[in-house]
Amino acid sequence: MLVMVELIVRKQIKNDGRRNYFGKLPSSDCILLDFIKPWRTFKIIEVK
């Protein structure tokens, strides 16, 4: 499973139709945001 994320919002923003809403990150996984740096790509890989 490969997910491409273009924007991570860490605060509330107005939905102006220019962004795609992907979903919410559970608070238990918010520590992962510390590893995602601006303008860098990353992958979310499902472990089975």
C-alpha atoms as a PDB file:
ATOM      1  CA  MET A   1       0.000   0.000   0.000  1.00  0.00           C
ATOM      2  CA  LEU A   2       1.539   3.307  -1.097  1.00  0.00           C
ATOM      3  CA  VAL A   3       0.048   6.616  -0.027  1.00  0.00           C
ATOM      4  CA  MET A   4       1.280   9.933  -1.407  1.00  0.00           C
ATOM      5  CA  VAL A   5       0.679  12.889   0.886  1.00  0.00           C
ATOM      6  CA  GLU A   6       1.057  16.432  -0.369  1.00  0.00           C
ATOM      7  CA  LEU A   7       0.084  18.420   2.708  1.00  0.00           C
ATOM      8  CA  ILE A   8       0.076  17.709   6.401  1.00  0.00           C
ATOM      9  CA  VAL A   9      -1.939  20.154   8.431  1.00  0.00           C
ATOM     10  CA  ARG A  10      -1.079  20.390  12.077  1.00  0.00           C
ATOM     11  CA  LYS A  11      -3.692  23.049  12.774  1.00  0.00           C
ATOM     12  CA  GLN A  12      -7.241  23.802  11.688  1.00  0.00           C
ATOM     13  CA  ILE A  13      -7.549  25.369   8.198  1.00  0.00           C
ATOM     14  CA  LYS A  14     -10.511  26.514   6.151  1.00  0.00           C
ATOM     15  CA  ASN A  15     -11.672  24.091   3.443  1.00  0.00           C
ATOM     16  CA  ASP A  16     -11.354  26.294   0.360  1.00  0.00           C
ATOM     17  CA  GLY A  17     -11.531  23.459  -2.180  1.00  0.00           C
ATOM     18  CA  ARG A  18      -7.836  23.658  -3.135  1.00  0.00           C
ATOM     19  CA  ARG A  19      -6.735  20.755  -0.934  1.00  0.00           C
ATOM     20  CA  ASN A  20      -7.744  17.106  -0.776  1.00  0.00           C
ATOM     21  CA  TYR A  21      -8.766  15.820   2.623  1.00  0.00           C
ATOM     22  CA  PHE A  22      -7.146  12.458   3.231  1.00  0.00           C
ATOM     23  CA  GLY A  23      -8.082  11.657   6.799  1.00  0.00           C
ATOM     24  CA  LYS A  24      -7.053  12.073  10.405  1.00  0.00           C
ATOM     25  CA  LEU A  25      -4.075  10.635  12.195  1.00  0.00           C
ATOM     26  CA  PRO A  26      -4.979   9.025  15.533  1.00  0.00           C
ATOM     27  CA  SER A  27      -3.491  10.872  18.491  1.00  0.00           C
ATOM     28  CA  SER A  28      -1.534   7.732  19.380  1.00  0.00           C
ATOM     29  CA  ASP A  29       0.319   8.035  16.042  1.00  0.00           C
ATOM     30  CA  CYS A  30       1.002  11.787  16.171  1.00  0.00           C
ATOM     31  CA  ILE A  31       4.597  11.061  17.202  1.00  0.00           C
ATOM     32  CA  LEU A  32       5.137  10.059  13.556  1.00  0.00           C
ATOM     33  CA  LEU A  33       4.769  13.720  12.540  1.00  0.00           C
ATOM     34  CA  ASP A  34       8.147  14.446  14.144  1.00  0.00           C
ATOM     35  CA  PHE A  35       9.784  12.282  11.468  1.00  0.00           C
ATOM     36  CA  ILE A  36       8.085  13.991   8.503  1.00  0.00           C
ATOM     37  CA  LYS A  37      10.012  17.043   7.355  1.00  0.00           C
ATOM     38  CA  PRO A  38       8.717  19.899   5.143  1.00  0.00           C
ATOM     39  CA  TRP A  39       9.071  19.329   1.394  1.00  0.00           C
ATOM     40  CA  ARG A  40      10.218  15.722   1.851  1.00  0.00           C
ATOM     41  CA  THR A  41       8.389  12.677   0.538  1.00  0.00           C
ATOM     42  CA  PHE A  42       7.485   9.704   2.680  1.00  0.00           C
ATOM     43  CA  LYS A  43       5.607   6.423   2.462  1.00  0.00           C
ATOM     44  CA  ILE A  44       3.096   4.785   4.733  1.00  0.00           C
ATOM     45  CA  ILE A  45       3.620   1.034   4.456  1.00  0.00           C
ATOM     46  CA  GLU A  46       1.071  -1.424   5.766  1.00  0.00           C
ATOM     47  CA  VAL A  47       2.745  -4.190   7.769  1.00  0.00           C
ATOM     48  CA  LYS A  48       0.925  -7.505   7.658  1.00  0.00           C
END
